[in-house]
């Protein structure tokens, strides 16, 4: 489906509500491959499982509550920007839409929908020892992952596009958000509480959200009053 309005978005994604196995991922450019960061240049030149071990040794100096298994280590590394064979998804299609519209304003975006057959059970499958793309929901998560209803897919071959690596039991669909609608959709998502502040939940998110409001303040009729309410100050009459 091609999405040009919030009404169309609601119509499309309302069909997924009856099955809570669906997970969603937004990408700002429809032409980008769907693969983990470890499978992209230049990171694919090195084995991600090898440099993850080095990261773990150094990260131990900064982590108080130690992860219980290699999957939890990988999830934390992914959260903090290390290229891994995990790929970020959300149970919430609104979150996927937000990230799909956040950049590349001249390009059509995509929201991918996946209902995976396989799931990672940490004490039964180790990284690099499973043969199918599988859902992974960590028990130890950063707060931002929780705010974004986040989870992952784990990829046995991180350099392979997801469309080529899925099994016949998996369900996989794709919808397009037209470039002409992306900016407007960010305003509509903000109206329903989906923005940088609510999805990041920290000072970085607060600052990014304030910048976005300042950059787009003329969108709101009562823009000065709107901004003052966010800052907690009453406007000067």
C-alpha atoms as a PDB file:
ATOM      1  CA  UNK A   1       0.000   0.000   0.000  1.00  0.00           C
ATOM      2  CA  UNK A   2       1.020   3.608  -0.583  1.00  0.00           C
ATOM      3  CA  UNK A   3       0.222   5.920   2.331  1.00  0.00           C
ATOM      4  CA  UNK A   4      -0.578   9.590   1.709  1.00  0.00           C
ATOM      5  CA  UNK A   5      -2.566  10.472   4.832  1.00  0.00           C
ATOM      6  CA  UNK A   6      -3.081   9.460   8.444  1.00  0.00           C
ATOM      7  CA  UNK A   7      -6.468   8.038   7.499  1.00  0.00           C
ATOM      8  CA  UNK A   8      -4.771   5.700   5.035  1.00  0.00           C
ATOM      9  CA  UNK A   9      -2.121   4.808   7.621  1.00  0.00           C
ATOM     10  CA  UNK A  10      -4.792   3.893  10.182  1.00  0.00           C
ATOM     11  CA  UNK A  11      -6.680   1.847   7.604  1.00  0.00           C
ATOM     12  CA  UNK A  12      -3.586  -0.127   6.610  1.00  0.00           C
ATOM     13  CA  UNK A  13      -2.202  -0.820  10.062  1.00  0.00           C
ATOM     14  CA  UNK A  14      -5.546  -1.441  11.701  1.00  0.00           C
ATOM     15  CA  UNK A  15      -5.443  -4.787   9.921  1.00  0.00           C
ATOM     16  CA  UNK A  16      -2.512  -5.904  12.084  1.00  0.00           C
ATOM     17  CA  UNK A  17      -4.199  -5.388  15.471  1.00  0.00           C
ATOM     18  CA  UNK A  18      -5.680  -8.874  15.774  1.00  0.00           C
ATOM     19  CA  UNK A  19      -2.263 -10.557  15.806  1.00  0.00           C
ATOM     20  CA  UNK A  20       0.242  -9.355  18.399  1.00  0.00           C
ATOM     21  CA  UNK A  21       3.067 -11.269  16.732  1.00  0.00           C
ATOM     22  CA  UNK A  22       3.580  -8.533  14.143  1.00  0.00           C
ATOM     23  CA  UNK A  23       6.585  -6.253  14.524  1.00  0.00           C
ATOM     24  CA  UNK A  24       7.341  -3.099  12.548  1.00  0.00           C
ATOM     25  CA  UNK A  25      10.392  -1.277  11.241  1.00  0.00           C
ATOM     26  CA  UNK A  26      10.518   2.110   9.536  1.00  0.00           C
ATOM     27  CA  UNK A  27      13.254   3.122   7.083  1.00  0.00           C
ATOM     28  CA  UNK A  28      13.464   6.637   5.688  1.00  0.00           C
ATOM     29  CA  UNK A  29      14.439   5.532   2.199  1.00  0.00           C
ATOM     30  CA  UNK A  30      12.396   2.892   0.451  1.00  0.00           C
ATOM     31  CA  UNK A  31      15.443   1.726  -1.543  1.00  0.00           C
ATOM     32  CA  UNK A  32      17.636   0.909   1.470  1.00  0.00           C
ATOM     33  CA  UNK A  33      18.333  -2.735   2.183  1.00  0.00           C
ATOM     34  CA  UNK A  34      16.929  -4.236   5.373  1.00  0.00           C
ATOM     35  CA  UNK A  35      19.903  -5.664   7.183  1.00  0.00           C
ATOM     36  CA  UNK A  36      21.764  -5.196  10.493  1.00  0.00           C
ATOM     37  CA  UNK A  37      24.503  -2.593  10.779  1.00  0.00           C
ATOM     38  CA  UNK A  38      27.137  -5.335  11.075  1.00  0.00           C
ATOM     39  CA  UNK A  39      26.223  -6.407   7.554  1.00  0.00           C
ATOM     40  CA  UNK A  40      26.804  -2.975   6.008  1.00  0.00           C
ATOM     41  CA  UNK A  41      30.006  -1.369   4.768  1.00  0.00           C
ATOM     42  CA  UNK A  42      32.555  -0.947   6.205  1.00  0.00           C
ATOM     43  CA  UNK A  43      31.617  -3.070   9.231  1.00  0.00           C
ATOM     44  CA  UNK A  44      31.033  -6.317   7.329  1.00  0.00           C
ATOM     45  CA  UNK A  45      34.768  -6.554   6.661  1.00  0.00           C
ATOM     46  CA  UNK A  46      35.195  -7.825  10.236  1.00  0.00           C
ATOM     47  CA  UNK A  47      33.355 -10.562  12.136  1.00  0.00           C
ATOM     48  CA  UNK A  48      30.951  -8.773  14.469  1.00  0.00           C
ATOM     49  CA  UNK A  49      31.066 -11.589  17.022  1.00  0.00           C
ATOM     50  CA  UNK A  50      34.824 -11.144  17.346  1.00  0.00           C
ATOM     51  CA  UNK A  51      34.801  -7.395  17.951  1.00  0.00           C
ATOM     52  CA  UNK A  52      31.810  -7.817  20.275  1.00  0.00           C
ATOM     53  CA  UNK A  53      34.098  -9.818  22.574  1.00  0.00           C
ATOM     54  CA  UNK A  54      36.540  -6.928  22.718  1.00  0.00           C
ATOM     55  CA  UNK A  55      33.700  -4.510  23.372  1.00  0.00           C
ATOM     56  CA  UNK A  56      32.457  -6.678  26.245  1.00  0.00           C
ATOM     57  CA  UNK A  57      35.832  -6.625  27.966  1.00  0.00           C
ATOM     58  CA  UNK A  58      35.989  -2.834  27.920  1.00  0.00           C
ATOM     59  CA  UNK A  59      32.272  -2.320  28.585  1.00  0.00           C
ATOM     60  CA  UNK A  60      32.537  -4.262  31.847  1.00  0.00           C
ATOM     61  CA  UNK A  61      34.217  -1.186  33.330  1.00  0.00           C
ATOM     62  CA  UNK A  62      31.038   0.869  32.762  1.00  0.00           C
ATOM     63  CA  UNK A  63      28.223  -1.624  33.396  1.00  0.00           C
ATOM     64  CA  UNK A  64      27.126  -2.253  36.973  1.00  0.00           C
ATOM     65  CA  UNK A  65      24.457  -4.903  36.382  1.00  0.00           C
ATOM     66  CA  UNK A  66      26.177  -7.491  34.222  1.00  0.00           C
ATOM     67  CA  UNK A  67      24.178  -9.098  31.382  1.00  0.00           C
ATOM     68  CA  UNK A  68      23.231 -12.735  31.922  1.00  0.00           C
ATOM     69  CA  UNK A  69      24.106 -14.072  28.464  1.00  0.00           C
ATOM     70  CA  UNK A  70      25.680 -13.165  25.118  1.00  0.00           C
ATOM     71  CA  UNK A  71      22.352 -12.017  23.668  1.00  0.00           C
ATOM     72  CA  UNK A  72      21.904  -9.455  26.432  1.00  0.00           C
ATOM     73  CA  UNK A  73      25.443  -8.239  25.856  1.00  0.00           C
ATOM     74  CA  UNK A  74      24.671  -7.851  22.166  1.00  0.00           C
ATOM     75  CA  UNK A  75      21.428  -5.968  22.867  1.00  0.00           C
ATOM     76  CA  UNK A  76      23.243  -3.458  25.074  1.00  0.00           C
ATOM     77  CA  UNK A  77      26.009  -3.053  22.493  1.00  0.00           C
ATOM     78  CA  UNK A  78      23.383  -2.460  19.792  1.00  0.00           C
ATOM     79  CA  UNK A  79      21.633   0.120  21.961  1.00  0.00           C
ATOM     80  CA  UNK A  80      24.874   2.045  22.405  1.00  0.00           C
ATOM     81  CA  UNK A  81      25.751   2.095  18.720  1.00  0.00           C
ATOM     82  CA  UNK A  82      28.032  -0.891  18.145  1.00  0.00           C
ATOM     83  CA  UNK A  83      27.355  -2.644  14.822  1.00  0.00           C
ATOM     84  CA  UNK A  84      25.811  -6.034  15.617  1.00  0.00           C
ATOM     85  CA  UNK A  85      23.772  -8.709  13.864  1.00  0.00           C
ATOM     86  CA  UNK A  86      20.633  -7.462  15.608  1.00  0.00           C
ATOM     87  CA  UNK A  87      18.091  -5.309  13.769  1.00  0.00           C
ATOM     88  CA  UNK A  88      15.767  -2.897  15.599  1.00  0.00           C
ATOM     89  CA  UNK A  89      11.981  -3.309  15.408  1.00  0.00           C
ATOM     90  CA  UNK A  90       8.962  -2.146  17.382  1.00  0.00           C
ATOM     91  CA  UNK A  91       5.615  -3.639  18.306  1.00  0.00           C
ATOM     92  CA  UNK A  92       4.125  -0.194  17.675  1.00  0.00           C
ATOM     93  CA  UNK A  93       3.604   0.827  14.006  1.00  0.00           C
ATOM     94  CA  UNK A  94       3.439   4.493  15.073  1.00  0.00           C
ATOM     95  CA  UNK A  95       7.037   4.233  16.279  1.00  0.00           C
ATOM     96  CA  UNK A  96       8.070   2.681  12.965  1.00  0.00           C
ATOM     97  CA  UNK A  97       6.309   5.505  11.120  1.00  0.00           C
ATOM     98  CA  UNK A  98       8.159   8.123  13.169  1.00  0.00           C
ATOM     99  CA  UNK A  99      11.580   6.783  12.237  1.00  0.00           C
ATOM    100  CA  UNK A 100      10.479   6.315   8.627  1.00  0.00           C
ATOM    101  CA  UNK A 101       9.587  10.016   8.361  1.00  0.00           C
ATOM    102  CA  UNK A 102      12.477  11.468  10.358  1.00  0.00           C
ATOM    103  CA  UNK A 103      14.935  11.990   7.491  1.00  0.00           C
ATOM    104  CA  UNK A 104      15.347  11.766   3.699  1.00  0.00           C
ATOM    105  CA  UNK A 105      12.442  14.178   3.017  1.00  0.00           C
ATOM    106  CA  UNK A 106      12.676  13.773  -0.770  1.00  0.00           C
ATOM    107  CA  UNK A 107      12.495   9.977  -0.682  1.00  0.00           C
ATOM    108  CA  UNK A 108       9.562   7.630  -0.179  1.00  0.00           C
ATOM    109  CA  UNK A 109       9.869   5.792   3.121  1.00  0.00           C
ATOM    110  CA  UNK A 110       9.010   2.194   3.946  1.00  0.00           C
ATOM    111  CA  UNK A 111       7.455   0.419   6.901  1.00  0.00           C
ATOM    112  CA  UNK A 112       8.271  -3.282   7.045  1.00  0.00           C
ATOM    113  CA  UNK A 113       5.967  -5.686   8.856  1.00  0.00           C
ATOM    114  CA  UNK A 114       7.235  -9.053  10.065  1.00  0.00           C
ATOM    115  CA  UNK A 115       5.603 -11.924  11.880  1.00  0.00           C
ATOM    116  CA  UNK A 116       8.545 -14.275  12.495  1.00  0.00           C
ATOM    117  CA  UNK A 117       8.147 -17.988  12.990  1.00  0.00           C
ATOM    118  CA  UNK A 118      11.394 -18.397  14.939  1.00  0.00           C
ATOM    119  CA  UNK A 119      12.327 -16.941  18.319  1.00  0.00           C
ATOM    120  CA  UNK A 120      15.618 -16.799  20.183  1.00  0.00           C
ATOM    121  CA  UNK A 121      15.699 -18.671  23.490  1.00  0.00           C
ATOM    122  CA  UNK A 122      19.050 -17.576  24.979  1.00  0.00           C
ATOM    123  CA  UNK A 123      19.875 -20.798  26.825  1.00  0.00           C
ATOM    124  CA  UNK A 124      19.213 -22.863  23.690  1.00  0.00           C
ATOM    125  CA  UNK A 125      20.814 -20.813  20.917  1.00  0.00           C
ATOM    126  CA  UNK A 126      23.981 -18.748  20.998  1.00  0.00           C
ATOM    127  CA  UNK A 127      24.885 -15.933  18.580  1.00  0.00           C
ATOM    128  CA  UNK A 128      26.202 -17.404  15.370  1.00  0.00           C
ATOM    129  CA  UNK A 129      24.749 -20.838  16.172  1.00  0.00           C
ATOM    130  CA  UNK A 130      21.213 -20.444  14.807  1.00  0.00           C
ATOM    131  CA  UNK A 131      20.209 -20.911  11.178  1.00  0.00           C
ATOM    132  CA  UNK A 132      17.092 -18.734  10.832  1.00  0.00           C
ATOM    133  CA  UNK A 133      16.226 -15.075  11.272  1.00  0.00           C
ATOM    134  CA  UNK A 134      14.459 -14.973  14.629  1.00  0.00           C
ATOM    135  CA  UNK A 135      12.728 -12.588  16.994  1.00  0.00           C
ATOM    136  CA  UNK A 136      14.705 -11.638  20.108  1.00  0.00           C
ATOM    137  CA  UNK A 137      13.107  -9.829  23.048  1.00  0.00           C
ATOM    138  CA  UNK A 138      15.757  -9.090  25.707  1.00  0.00           C
ATOM    139  CA  UNK A 139      14.895  -9.309  29.386  1.00  0.00           C
ATOM    140  CA  UNK A 140      17.513  -6.683  30.244  1.00  0.00           C
ATOM    141  CA  UNK A 141      16.677  -3.572  28.254  1.00  0.00           C
ATOM    142  CA  UNK A 142      17.601   0.086  28.324  1.00  0.00           C
ATOM    143  CA  UNK A 143      14.730   2.423  29.141  1.00  0.00           C
ATOM    144  CA  UNK A 144      14.697   3.798  25.591  1.00  0.00           C
ATOM    145  CA  UNK A 145      14.019   0.333  24.174  1.00  0.00           C
ATOM    146  CA  UNK A 146      11.027   0.033  26.473  1.00  0.00           C
ATOM    147  CA  UNK A 147       9.697   3.464  25.503  1.00  0.00           C
ATOM    148  CA  UNK A 148       9.855   2.462  21.848  1.00  0.00           C
ATOM    149  CA  UNK A 149       8.200  -0.947  22.423  1.00  0.00           C
ATOM    150  CA  UNK A 150      11.441  -2.234  21.015  1.00  0.00           C
ATOM    151  CA  UNK A 151      12.723  -5.678  20.176  1.00  0.00           C
ATOM    152  CA  UNK A 152      15.075  -7.205  17.612  1.00  0.00           C
ATOM    153  CA  UNK A 153      15.541  -9.729  14.900  1.00  0.00           C
ATOM    154  CA  UNK A 154      18.727 -11.793  15.155  1.00  0.00           C
ATOM    155  CA  UNK A 155      20.367 -12.582  11.813  1.00  0.00           C
ATOM    156  CA  UNK A 156      22.631 -15.593  11.181  1.00  0.00           C
ATOM    157  CA  UNK A 157      23.985 -13.814   8.069  1.00  0.00           C
ATOM    158  CA  UNK A 158      24.028 -10.083   8.830  1.00  0.00           C
ATOM    159  CA  UNK A 159      25.178  -9.131   5.317  1.00  0.00           C
ATOM    160  CA  UNK A 160      22.090 -10.711   3.715  1.00  0.00           C
ATOM    161  CA  UNK A 161      18.982  -8.625   3.036  1.00  0.00           C
ATOM    162  CA  UNK A 162      16.056  -9.816   5.131  1.00  0.00           C
ATOM    163  CA  UNK A 163      13.975 -10.576   2.042  1.00  0.00           C
ATOM    164  CA  UNK A 164      16.477 -13.288   1.098  1.00  0.00           C
ATOM    165  CA  UNK A 165      17.000 -14.694   4.564  1.00  0.00           C
ATOM    166  CA  UNK A 166      13.463 -15.346   5.781  1.00  0.00           C
ATOM    167  CA  UNK A 167      12.039 -18.845   5.967  1.00  0.00           C
ATOM    168  CA  UNK A 168       8.800 -19.907   4.296  1.00  0.00           C
ATOM    169  CA  UNK A 169       7.044 -19.830   7.676  1.00  0.00           C
ATOM    170  CA  UNK A 170       7.702 -16.101   8.170  1.00  0.00           C
ATOM    171  CA  UNK A 171       5.201 -13.432   7.130  1.00  0.00           C
ATOM    172  CA  UNK A 172       6.731 -10.291   5.650  1.00  0.00           C
ATOM    173  CA  UNK A 173       5.018  -7.231   4.158  1.00  0.00           C
ATOM    174  CA  UNK A 174       5.982  -3.718   3.105  1.00  0.00           C
ATOM    175  CA  UNK A 175       4.101  -0.415   2.895  1.00  0.00           C
ATOM    176  CA  UNK A 176       5.253   2.899   1.409  1.00  0.00           C
ATOM    177  CA  UNK A 177       4.905   6.344   2.989  1.00  0.00           C
ATOM    178  CA  UNK A 178       5.033   8.871   0.176  1.00  0.00           C
ATOM    179  CA  UNK A 179       7.660  11.592   0.478  1.00  0.00           C
ATOM    180  CA  UNK A 180       5.039  14.309   0.068  1.00  0.00           C
ATOM    181  CA  UNK A 181       3.369  13.167   3.302  1.00  0.00           C
ATOM    182  CA  UNK A 182       6.407  12.543   5.536  1.00  0.00           C
ATOM    183  CA  UNK A 183       6.710  16.006   7.093  1.00  0.00           C
ATOM    184  CA  UNK A 184       2.991  16.270   7.804  1.00  0.00           C
ATOM    185  CA  UNK A 185       2.969  12.826   9.365  1.00  0.00           C
ATOM    186  CA  UNK A 186       5.555  13.928  11.943  1.00  0.00           C
ATOM    187  CA  UNK A 187       3.149  16.647  13.095  1.00  0.00           C
ATOM    188  CA  UNK A 188       0.293  14.163  13.306  1.00  0.00           C
ATOM    189  CA  UNK A 189       2.408  11.647  15.204  1.00  0.00           C
ATOM    190  CA  UNK A 190       3.413  14.390  17.636  1.00  0.00           C
ATOM    191  CA  UNK A 191      -0.286  15.157  18.182  1.00  0.00           C
ATOM    192  CA  UNK A 192      -0.728  11.559  19.331  1.00  0.00           C
ATOM    193  CA  UNK A 193       2.312  11.624  21.606  1.00  0.00           C
ATOM    194  CA  UNK A 194       4.929  10.105  19.304  1.00  0.00           C
ATOM    195  CA  UNK A 195       7.998  12.356  19.178  1.00  0.00           C
ATOM    196  CA  UNK A 196      11.665  12.464  20.137  1.00  0.00           C
ATOM    197  CA  UNK A 197      10.914  13.247  23.784  1.00  0.00           C
ATOM    198  CA  UNK A 198       8.495  10.382  24.365  1.00  0.00           C
ATOM    199  CA  UNK A 199      10.577   7.869  22.405  1.00  0.00           C
ATOM    200  CA  UNK A 200      13.965   8.767  23.866  1.00  0.00           C
ATOM    201  CA  UNK A 201      12.955   9.771  27.385  1.00  0.00           C
ATOM    202  CA  UNK A 202      16.188  11.578  28.210  1.00  0.00           C
ATOM    203  CA  UNK A 203      17.886  14.957  27.869  1.00  0.00           C
ATOM    204  CA  UNK A 204      18.939  14.201  24.292  1.00  0.00           C
ATOM    205  CA  UNK A 205      15.318  13.528  23.401  1.00  0.00           C
ATOM    206  CA  UNK A 206      14.120  16.659  25.187  1.00  0.00           C
ATOM    207  CA  UNK A 207      16.653  18.842  23.371  1.00  0.00           C
ATOM    208  CA  UNK A 208      15.876  17.287  19.977  1.00  0.00           C
ATOM    209  CA  UNK A 209      12.142  17.726  20.519  1.00  0.00           C
ATOM    210  CA  UNK A 210      12.559  21.382  21.549  1.00  0.00           C
ATOM    211  CA  UNK A 211      14.674  22.026  18.448  1.00  0.00           C
ATOM    212  CA  UNK A 212      12.009  20.465  16.231  1.00  0.00           C
ATOM    213  CA  UNK A 213       9.298  22.652  17.775  1.00  0.00           C
ATOM    214  CA  UNK A 214      11.412  25.789  17.365  1.00  0.00           C
ATOM    215  CA  UNK A 215      12.182  24.926  13.749  1.00  0.00           C
ATOM    216  CA  UNK A 216       8.496  24.344  13.004  1.00  0.00           C
ATOM    217  CA  UNK A 217       6.824  26.758  15.444  1.00  0.00           C
ATOM    218  CA  UNK A 218       4.800  28.489  12.721  1.00  0.00           C
ATOM    219  CA  UNK A 219       2.877  25.267  12.157  1.00  0.00           C
ATOM    220  CA  UNK A 220       0.742  25.932  15.254  1.00  0.00           C
ATOM    221  CA  UNK A 221      -1.675  28.859  15.232  1.00  0.00           C
ATOM    222  CA  UNK A 222      -0.884  29.641  18.885  1.00  0.00           C
ATOM    223  CA  UNK A 223       2.795  28.820  18.484  1.00  0.00           C
ATOM    224  CA  UNK A 224       4.120  31.070  21.264  1.00  0.00           C
ATOM    225  CA  UNK A 225       1.577  29.742  23.756  1.00  0.00           C
ATOM    226  CA  UNK A 226       2.287  26.167  22.640  1.00  0.00           C
ATOM    227  CA  UNK A 227       6.015  26.591  23.224  1.00  0.00           C
ATOM    228  CA  UNK A 228       5.481  28.281  26.596  1.00  0.00           C
ATOM    229  CA  UNK A 229       3.324  25.385  27.785  1.00  0.00           C
ATOM    230  CA  UNK A 230       6.079  22.953  26.876  1.00  0.00           C
ATOM    231  CA  UNK A 231       8.638  25.012  28.793  1.00  0.00           C
ATOM    232  CA  UNK A 232       6.341  25.511  31.784  1.00  0.00           C
ATOM    233  CA  UNK A 233       6.245  29.296  31.506  1.00  0.00           C
ATOM    234  CA  UNK A 234       3.278  31.529  30.779  1.00  0.00           C
ATOM    235  CA  UNK A 235       3.609  33.786  27.721  1.00  0.00           C
ATOM    236  CA  UNK A 236       4.008  37.489  28.345  1.00  0.00           C
ATOM    237  CA  UNK A 237       0.923  39.379  27.155  1.00  0.00           C
END
